[in-house]
């Protein structure tokens, strides 16, 4: 796969991390470790052996994940040595006291994320949201919306085209069955990267498998 240096992020269930150690056939990819899928009784995943840049994510229920205890989630994130270079997914709605924990790594390794689970706002609203998030100077901004109609994918396309002229890089696509188009096409529209899961159940609504995404990306030489 060669998408001109654009990143692909593979979302990983930390309970199945032994299947996620390496994807030698790929270049320019990252792993996202979905720590919100862990139960309190689960051991910490052995991530020191991961061979790709890794995002530590504790996705809360309000943002489409399974995390129901932000304080525990923060403790879980702190269990890993951030100085090792891990990227950190920080949810935009989190309270200030939580965000302040990440300040030493904010500009270098924080992905500031916002997930709108029930609709896609207007383009003007999304532009305003991006500006507000980017003004905090994270490494990346991530805005994901829900596609209620196919046209919502075009709203994300327009957002990405507009944001491509900005200093802060944007990750953006739509969730849900009607959001498949943007998951596949968003990097062509200017998204810093898109997300896929390993074979099996998706870890986010509308997420497609790595195999399916790569098949979409295959060039037709016939």
Protein backbone atom coordinates (compact mmCIF):
# COMPACT_ATOMS: atom_id res chain seq x y z
CA UNK A 1 0.00 0.00 0.00
CA UNK A 2 1.32 3.40 -0.89
CA UNK A 3 -0.97 6.34 -0.21
CA UNK A 4 1.71 8.99 -0.54
CA UNK A 5 2.76 8.90 3.10
CA UNK A 6 -0.76 9.20 4.49
CA UNK A 7 -1.39 7.33 7.72
CA UNK A 8 -3.68 4.41 8.38
CA UNK A 9 -4.68 3.71 11.97
CA UNK A 10 -5.60 0.17 12.98
CA UNK A 11 -7.85 0.03 16.06
CA UNK A 12 -6.90 -2.81 18.37
CA UNK A 13 -8.68 -4.57 21.21
CA UNK A 14 -6.01 -4.63 23.95
CA UNK A 15 -7.22 -8.07 25.06
CA UNK A 16 -6.10 -9.40 21.67
CA UNK A 17 -2.85 -7.52 21.37
CA UNK A 18 -0.84 -10.59 20.44
CA UNK A 19 -2.47 -10.38 17.01
CA UNK A 20 -1.42 -6.76 16.60
CA UNK A 21 2.34 -6.76 16.98
CA UNK A 22 3.23 -6.06 13.37
CA UNK A 23 1.79 -5.50 9.93
CA UNK A 24 4.94 -5.79 7.84
CA UNK A 25 3.04 -5.45 4.56
CA UNK A 26 1.99 -1.91 5.47
CA UNK A 27 3.89 1.34 5.65
CA UNK A 28 3.00 4.54 7.46
CA UNK A 29 0.50 3.03 9.86
CA UNK A 30 -0.33 3.48 13.52
CA UNK A 31 -2.11 1.37 16.10
CA UNK A 32 -4.91 2.62 18.34
CA UNK A 33 -5.18 0.75 21.62
CA UNK A 34 -8.80 0.97 22.81
CA UNK A 35 -8.23 0.86 26.55
CA UNK A 36 -11.91 1.49 27.28
CA UNK A 37 -12.55 -2.14 26.29
CA UNK A 38 -10.59 -3.38 29.30
CA UNK A 39 -12.32 -4.49 32.48
CA UNK A 40 -10.80 -3.63 35.83
CA UNK A 41 -9.83 -7.28 36.24
CA UNK A 42 -7.95 -7.42 32.93
CA UNK A 43 -4.15 -7.25 32.98
CA UNK A 44 -2.42 -4.34 31.29
CA UNK A 45 -1.56 -5.20 27.69
CA UNK A 46 2.15 -5.71 26.91
CA UNK A 47 2.53 -2.76 24.57
CA UNK A 48 6.28 -2.29 24.89
CA UNK A 49 6.78 -4.80 22.07
CA UNK A 50 4.56 -2.97 19.59
CA UNK A 51 6.50 -2.03 16.48
CA UNK A 52 4.34 0.87 15.29
CA UNK A 53 3.48 4.29 16.73
CA UNK A 54 0.62 3.71 19.15
CA UNK A 55 -2.32 5.86 20.24
CA UNK A 56 -3.63 5.27 23.77
CA UNK A 57 -7.40 5.81 23.74
CA UNK A 58 -9.94 5.66 26.55
CA UNK A 59 -13.16 6.36 24.65
CA UNK A 60 -16.02 7.31 26.96
CA UNK A 61 -19.64 6.28 26.44
CA UNK A 62 -20.67 9.84 25.59
CA UNK A 63 -18.17 9.78 22.72
CA UNK A 64 -19.17 6.36 21.40
CA UNK A 65 -16.93 4.09 23.46
CA UNK A 66 -17.30 1.78 26.44
CA UNK A 67 -15.56 3.84 29.11
CA UNK A 68 -17.86 4.61 32.03
CA UNK A 69 -15.36 5.89 34.63
CA UNK A 70 -13.16 8.76 33.52
CA UNK A 71 -11.08 8.79 36.71
CA UNK A 72 -10.25 5.12 36.27
CA UNK A 73 -9.61 5.72 32.58
CA UNK A 74 -7.14 8.45 33.44
CA UNK A 75 -5.39 6.14 35.91
CA UNK A 76 -5.29 3.51 33.17
CA UNK A 77 -3.68 5.93 30.73
CA UNK A 78 -1.15 6.90 33.40
CA UNK A 79 -0.16 3.25 33.74
CA UNK A 80 1.86 3.56 30.55
CA UNK A 81 5.14 5.49 30.24
CA UNK A 82 4.06 8.46 28.13
CA UNK A 83 7.67 9.52 27.71
CA UNK A 84 8.14 6.47 25.46
CA UNK A 85 6.44 8.39 22.67
CA UNK A 86 2.86 7.11 22.75
CA UNK A 87 0.20 9.35 21.25
CA UNK A 88 -2.71 10.25 23.53
CA UNK A 89 -6.34 10.60 22.46
CA UNK A 90 -7.87 13.37 24.58
CA UNK A 91 -11.60 13.96 24.25
CA UNK A 92 -12.52 17.61 23.70
CA UNK A 93 -15.45 17.54 26.19
CA UNK A 94 -13.27 16.28 29.06
CA UNK A 95 -13.07 18.71 31.99
CA UNK A 96 -10.11 21.04 32.29
CA UNK A 97 -8.55 19.17 35.23
CA UNK A 98 -8.30 16.05 33.08
CA UNK A 99 -6.86 17.85 30.07
CA UNK A 100 -4.23 19.54 32.23
CA UNK A 101 -2.75 16.10 32.91
CA UNK A 102 -1.68 15.95 29.28
CA UNK A 103 -0.19 19.45 28.96
CA UNK A 104 3.49 18.35 28.93
CA UNK A 105 2.77 16.30 25.81
CA UNK A 106 -0.03 18.42 24.31
CA UNK A 107 1.58 19.93 21.23
CA UNK A 108 3.74 16.92 20.46
CA UNK A 109 1.48 13.92 20.96
CA UNK A 110 -2.14 14.78 21.81
CA UNK A 111 -4.94 13.96 19.36
CA UNK A 112 -7.83 16.17 20.48
CA UNK A 113 -10.99 14.33 19.47
CA UNK A 114 -14.70 15.08 19.18
CA UNK A 115 -17.32 12.49 18.21
CA UNK A 116 -20.84 13.66 17.33
CA UNK A 117 -22.89 10.50 17.54
CA UNK A 118 -26.30 11.44 16.16
CA UNK A 119 -25.86 13.80 13.20
CA UNK A 120 -23.48 15.81 11.05
CA UNK A 121 -23.56 19.53 11.84
CA UNK A 122 -23.45 22.16 9.13
CA UNK A 123 -20.15 22.98 7.48
CA UNK A 124 -20.01 26.34 9.24
CA UNK A 125 -20.54 24.68 12.62
CA UNK A 126 -17.80 22.14 11.91
CA UNK A 127 -15.39 24.88 10.82
CA UNK A 128 -16.07 26.74 14.06
CA UNK A 129 -15.53 23.55 16.07
CA UNK A 130 -12.23 22.88 14.32
CA UNK A 131 -11.00 26.43 14.97
CA UNK A 132 -11.88 26.16 18.67
CA UNK A 133 -10.10 22.82 19.00
CA UNK A 134 -7.08 23.84 16.93
CA UNK A 135 -6.63 27.02 18.98
CA UNK A 136 -5.46 24.80 21.88
CA UNK A 137 -2.54 23.66 19.67
CA UNK A 138 -2.74 19.86 19.88
CA UNK A 139 -0.69 17.69 17.54
CA UNK A 140 -3.85 16.66 15.65
CA UNK A 141 -7.58 17.41 15.71
CA UNK A 142 -10.06 14.59 15.13
CA UNK A 143 -13.72 15.34 14.31
CA UNK A 144 -16.03 12.41 13.62
CA UNK A 145 -19.75 12.80 12.93
CA UNK A 146 -22.69 10.49 12.19
CA UNK A 147 -23.93 10.20 8.62
CA UNK A 148 -27.72 10.43 8.52
CA UNK A 149 -27.65 10.68 4.73
CA UNK A 150 -25.09 10.15 2.00
CA UNK A 151 -24.72 13.92 1.56
CA UNK A 152 -23.17 14.16 5.04
CA UNK A 153 -20.04 12.64 3.54
CA UNK A 154 -19.79 15.67 1.27
CA UNK A 155 -19.92 17.96 4.30
CA UNK A 156 -16.85 16.18 5.67
CA UNK A 157 -15.16 16.40 2.28
CA UNK A 158 -15.70 20.16 2.24
CA UNK A 159 -14.46 20.46 5.82
CA UNK A 160 -11.27 18.57 4.99
CA UNK A 161 -10.63 20.63 1.86
CA UNK A 162 -11.00 23.81 3.90
CA UNK A 163 -8.87 22.53 6.81
CA UNK A 164 -6.08 21.43 4.49
CA UNK A 165 -4.93 25.07 4.41
CA UNK A 166 -4.67 25.25 8.20
CA UNK A 167 -1.60 24.63 10.34
CA UNK A 168 -3.18 21.92 12.52
CA UNK A 169 -3.81 18.63 10.75
CA UNK A 170 -7.35 17.22 10.80
CA UNK A 171 -8.66 13.66 10.95
CA UNK A 172 -12.30 13.52 9.90
CA UNK A 173 -14.91 11.10 8.55
CA UNK A 174 -18.46 9.98 9.34
CA UNK A 175 -19.75 7.02 11.33
CA UNK A 176 -22.65 4.71 10.59
CA UNK A 177 -23.57 2.61 7.53
CA UNK A 178 -23.91 5.70 5.33
CA UNK A 179 -20.46 6.91 6.40
CA UNK A 180 -18.52 4.18 4.60
CA UNK A 181 -17.72 6.54 1.72
CA UNK A 182 -15.85 8.97 3.94
CA UNK A 183 -13.99 6.24 5.84
CA UNK A 184 -12.57 5.03 2.53
CA UNK A 185 -12.12 8.38 0.79
CA UNK A 186 -11.22 10.80 3.58
CA UNK A 187 -7.46 10.57 3.08
CA UNK A 188 -7.94 11.58 -0.55
CA UNK A 189 -9.89 14.58 0.72
CA UNK A 190 -7.11 15.67 3.08
CA UNK A 191 -7.63 13.72 6.31
CA UNK A 192 -4.38 12.98 8.13
CA UNK A 193 -5.45 9.35 8.45
CA UNK A 194 -8.41 6.99 8.55
CA UNK A 195 -9.21 4.14 10.92
CA UNK A 196 -9.85 0.44 10.33
CA UNK A 197 -10.16 -2.62 12.55
CA UNK A 198 -8.64 -6.05 12.34
CA UNK A 199 -10.80 -8.87 11.06
CA UNK A 200 -13.76 -9.42 13.33
CA UNK A 201 -16.12 -7.06 15.10
CA UNK A 202 -15.55 -3.33 14.49
CA UNK A 203 -14.49 -1.25 17.48
CA UNK A 204 -16.51 1.78 16.33
CA UNK A 205 -19.82 2.15 14.52
CA UNK A 206 -19.38 1.74 10.79
CA UNK A 207 -15.69 0.84 11.09
CA UNK A 208 -14.53 -1.52 8.36
CA UNK A 209 -11.83 -4.15 8.47
CA UNK A 210 -8.28 -3.54 7.37
CA UNK A 211 -8.68 -6.14 4.62
CA UNK A 212 -11.80 -4.43 3.25
CA UNK A 213 -10.22 -0.98 3.35
CA UNK A 214 -7.10 -2.15 1.53
CA UNK A 215 -9.26 -3.85 -1.09
CA UNK A 216 -11.09 -0.57 -1.68
CA UNK A 217 -7.73 1.13 -2.06
CA UNK A 218 -6.35 -1.38 -4.55
CA UNK A 219 -5.69 0.14 -7.93
CA UNK A 220 -7.43 -1.53 -10.82
CA UNK A 221 -4.73 -2.51 -13.28
CA UNK A 222 -7.13 -4.39 -15.54
